[in-house]
Each structure stands twice: as structure tokens, then as C-alpha cells.
């Protein structure tokens, strides 16, 4: 299983596992298809949406671990 980091871009994360999309959208990141978001890091996207990047990173990785 790939480890997601807050330095990865949204595009990289979605290419790693597209099933992460609903998790991110559930946190309020509804612009995953936006071309700008594809080059934005998870940390940058979290900041724009007023989220704690460390918490988002943790929740995404927990989702992936439970999915495996």
C-alpha cells in the first residue's frame, strides 16, 4: 500500500488510488476535478479549505489501510 503524504499533489493521490476521492470530498474538497487542484499539494488544498493537513493525511492513510 502506498503511503500518502501531505506533500503529494491531489493528482498524485488520485492516481495512487481513485477511491480516495470520496474521502477527500467528504472533508469538503469538492474541487478534485479542477485542473488547478491536480497540481496542488494535499497540504495546500487542506489550507485552502480550512482543514488540518496532518489530520487529512492521517484520515486518507487510515482509509487506505482499512481498504487493503
N, C-alpha and C. Protein backbone atom coordinates (compact mmCIF):
# COMPACT_ATOMS: atom_id res chain seq x y z
N UNK A 1 0.84 -1.18 0.00
CA UNK A 1 0.00 0.00 0.00
C UNK A 1 0.88 1.24 0.00
N UNK A 2 0.52 2.18 -0.83
CA UNK A 2 1.27 3.43 -0.90
C UNK A 2 0.92 4.32 0.28
N UNK A 3 1.91 4.99 0.80
CA UNK A 3 1.69 5.94 1.90
C UNK A 3 1.45 7.32 1.27
N UNK A 4 0.38 7.96 1.65
CA UNK A 4 0.05 9.29 1.16
C UNK A 4 0.69 10.31 2.10
N UNK A 5 1.31 11.33 1.52
CA UNK A 5 1.89 12.39 2.33
C UNK A 5 1.27 13.71 1.93
N UNK A 6 1.35 14.67 2.83
CA UNK A 6 0.74 15.98 2.55
C UNK A 6 1.52 16.76 1.51
N UNK A 7 2.71 16.28 1.14
CA UNK A 7 3.49 16.92 0.08
C UNK A 7 3.09 16.44 -1.31
N UNK A 8 2.34 15.34 -1.38
CA UNK A 8 1.89 14.82 -2.67
C UNK A 8 0.81 15.73 -3.25
N UNK A 9 0.76 15.81 -4.57
CA UNK A 9 -0.31 16.59 -5.20
C UNK A 9 -1.60 15.79 -5.18
N UNK A 10 -2.69 16.51 -5.32
CA UNK A 10 -4.00 15.87 -5.39
C UNK A 10 -4.01 14.89 -6.57
N UNK A 11 -3.42 15.29 -7.67
CA UNK A 11 -3.35 14.41 -8.84
C UNK A 11 -2.61 13.12 -8.55
N UNK A 12 -1.48 13.21 -7.86
CA UNK A 12 -0.71 12.01 -7.49
C UNK A 12 -1.52 11.10 -6.59
N UNK A 13 -2.20 11.70 -5.64
CA UNK A 13 -3.00 10.92 -4.69
C UNK A 13 -4.11 10.18 -5.43
N UNK A 14 -4.81 10.86 -6.32
CA UNK A 14 -5.90 10.23 -7.05
C UNK A 14 -5.38 9.16 -8.01
N UNK A 15 -4.20 9.35 -8.56
CA UNK A 15 -3.61 8.31 -9.42
C UNK A 15 -3.16 7.11 -8.58
N UNK A 16 -2.81 7.34 -7.35
CA UNK A 16 -2.42 6.24 -6.45
C UNK A 16 -3.63 5.37 -6.16
N UNK A 17 -4.76 6.01 -5.86
CA UNK A 17 -6.00 5.26 -5.59
C UNK A 17 -7.18 6.21 -5.75
N UNK A 18 -7.92 6.05 -6.81
CA UNK A 18 -9.06 6.92 -7.11
C UNK A 18 -10.14 6.82 -6.03
N UNK A 19 -10.14 5.72 -5.28
CA UNK A 19 -11.15 5.53 -4.22
C UNK A 19 -10.98 6.51 -3.07
N UNK A 20 -9.90 7.27 -3.07
CA UNK A 20 -9.67 8.30 -2.05
C UNK A 20 -10.56 9.52 -2.32
N UNK A 21 -11.03 9.67 -3.54
CA UNK A 21 -11.82 10.85 -3.92
C UNK A 21 -13.02 11.09 -2.99
N UNK A 22 -13.85 10.08 -2.71
CA UNK A 22 -14.98 10.33 -1.81
C UNK A 22 -14.56 10.73 -0.40
N UNK A 23 -13.42 10.24 0.04
CA UNK A 23 -12.91 10.60 1.37
C UNK A 23 -12.58 12.09 1.39
N UNK A 24 -11.84 12.56 0.37
CA UNK A 24 -11.48 13.97 0.29
C UNK A 24 -12.72 14.84 0.11
N UNK A 25 -13.65 14.39 -0.73
CA UNK A 25 -14.87 15.16 -0.95
C UNK A 25 -15.70 15.24 0.32
N UNK A 26 -15.69 14.18 1.11
CA UNK A 26 -16.41 14.17 2.37
C UNK A 26 -15.85 15.16 3.37
N UNK A 27 -14.61 15.55 3.17
CA UNK A 27 -13.98 16.55 4.04
C UNK A 27 -14.20 17.97 3.53
N UNK A 28 -14.86 18.09 2.37
CA UNK A 28 -15.14 19.41 1.83
C UNK A 28 -14.32 19.79 0.62
N UNK A 29 -13.47 18.88 0.15
CA UNK A 29 -12.65 19.16 -1.04
C UNK A 29 -13.43 18.73 -2.28
N UNK A 30 -14.33 19.59 -2.72
CA UNK A 30 -15.21 19.26 -3.84
C UNK A 30 -14.63 19.63 -5.20
N UNK A 31 -13.43 20.14 -5.22
CA UNK A 31 -12.85 20.61 -6.49
C UNK A 31 -11.78 19.66 -7.01
N UNK A 32 -11.91 18.37 -6.75
CA UNK A 32 -10.89 17.40 -7.15
C UNK A 32 -10.69 17.35 -8.66
N UNK A 33 -11.72 17.63 -9.43
CA UNK A 33 -11.61 17.60 -10.87
C UNK A 33 -11.08 18.88 -11.47
N UNK A 34 -10.94 19.91 -10.66
CA UNK A 34 -10.46 21.20 -11.13
C UNK A 34 -9.00 21.06 -11.57
N UNK A 35 -8.66 21.56 -12.75
CA UNK A 35 -7.27 21.44 -13.22
C UNK A 35 -6.24 22.01 -12.24
N UNK A 36 -6.57 23.08 -11.55
CA UNK A 36 -5.62 23.67 -10.61
C UNK A 36 -5.35 22.74 -9.43
N UNK A 37 -6.36 22.00 -9.00
CA UNK A 37 -6.18 21.13 -7.84
C UNK A 37 -5.24 19.97 -8.13
N UNK A 38 -5.13 19.60 -9.39
CA UNK A 38 -4.27 18.46 -9.74
C UNK A 38 -2.80 18.72 -9.41
N UNK A 39 -2.39 19.98 -9.45
CA UNK A 39 -1.01 20.33 -9.15
C UNK A 39 -0.81 20.89 -7.76
N UNK A 40 -1.89 20.91 -6.99
CA UNK A 40 -1.85 21.45 -5.64
C UNK A 40 -1.52 20.31 -4.66
N UNK A 41 -0.66 20.60 -3.69
CA UNK A 41 -0.33 19.57 -2.70
C UNK A 41 -1.52 19.37 -1.77
N UNK A 42 -1.54 18.23 -1.11
CA UNK A 42 -2.59 17.96 -0.14
C UNK A 42 -2.57 19.01 0.95
N UNK A 43 -1.38 19.44 1.34
CA UNK A 43 -1.26 20.46 2.37
C UNK A 43 -1.86 21.79 1.90
N UNK A 44 -1.58 22.18 0.65
CA UNK A 44 -2.13 23.42 0.10
C UNK A 44 -3.66 23.34 -0.01
N UNK A 45 -4.15 22.19 -0.48
CA UNK A 45 -5.60 22.02 -0.62
C UNK A 45 -6.28 22.07 0.74
N UNK A 46 -5.66 21.46 1.74
CA UNK A 46 -6.23 21.49 3.09
C UNK A 46 -6.29 22.92 3.60
N UNK A 47 -5.23 23.67 3.37
CA UNK A 47 -5.18 25.06 3.84
C UNK A 47 -6.29 25.88 3.18
N UNK A 48 -6.47 25.72 1.88
CA UNK A 48 -7.50 26.47 1.14
C UNK A 48 -8.89 26.16 1.70
N UNK A 49 -9.09 24.91 2.15
CA UNK A 49 -10.39 24.50 2.65
C UNK A 49 -10.51 24.60 4.17
N UNK A 50 -9.51 25.20 4.81
CA UNK A 50 -9.56 25.39 6.25
C UNK A 50 -9.44 24.11 7.06
N UNK A 51 -8.72 23.14 6.50
CA UNK A 51 -8.56 21.85 7.16
C UNK A 51 -7.14 21.68 7.68
N UNK A 52 -6.98 20.83 8.66
CA UNK A 52 -5.68 20.48 9.21
C UNK A 52 -5.05 19.43 8.29
N UNK A 53 -3.95 19.78 7.64
CA UNK A 53 -3.31 18.88 6.67
C UNK A 53 -2.86 17.57 7.30
N UNK A 54 -2.38 17.63 8.53
CA UNK A 54 -1.95 16.41 9.20
C UNK A 54 -3.13 15.46 9.44
N UNK A 55 -4.27 16.03 9.79
CA UNK A 55 -5.46 15.22 10.02
C UNK A 55 -5.97 14.61 8.72
N UNK A 56 -5.97 15.40 7.65
CA UNK A 56 -6.40 14.90 6.34
C UNK A 56 -5.49 13.75 5.91
N UNK A 57 -4.19 13.96 6.03
CA UNK A 57 -3.21 12.93 5.68
C UNK A 57 -3.48 11.65 6.47
N UNK A 58 -3.70 11.80 7.76
CA UNK A 58 -3.96 10.64 8.63
C UNK A 58 -5.23 9.91 8.22
N UNK A 59 -6.29 10.65 7.96
CA UNK A 59 -7.56 10.01 7.59
C UNK A 59 -7.49 9.30 6.25
N UNK A 60 -6.78 9.89 5.29
CA UNK A 60 -6.63 9.24 3.99
C UNK A 60 -5.84 7.95 4.14
N UNK A 61 -4.77 7.99 4.91
CA UNK A 61 -3.96 6.79 5.10
C UNK A 61 -4.71 5.72 5.89
N UNK A 62 -5.52 6.12 6.85
CA UNK A 62 -6.35 5.15 7.59
C UNK A 62 -7.36 4.50 6.65
N UNK A 63 -7.95 5.29 5.77
CA UNK A 63 -8.89 4.75 4.78
C UNK A 63 -8.20 3.71 3.91
N UNK A 64 -7.01 4.04 3.41
CA UNK A 64 -6.28 3.12 2.55
C UNK A 64 -5.88 1.85 3.30
N UNK A 65 -5.49 2.00 4.55
CA UNK A 65 -5.08 0.84 5.35
C UNK A 65 -6.26 -0.10 5.61
N UNK A 66 -7.42 0.49 5.86
CA UNK A 66 -8.63 -0.31 6.12
C UNK A 66 -9.17 -0.95 4.87
N UNK A 67 -8.87 -0.36 3.73
CA UNK A 67 -9.33 -0.87 2.44
C UNK A 67 -8.52 -2.10 2.01
N UNK A 68 -7.27 -2.13 2.43
CA UNK A 68 -6.36 -3.20 1.99
C UNK A 68 -6.73 -4.55 2.54
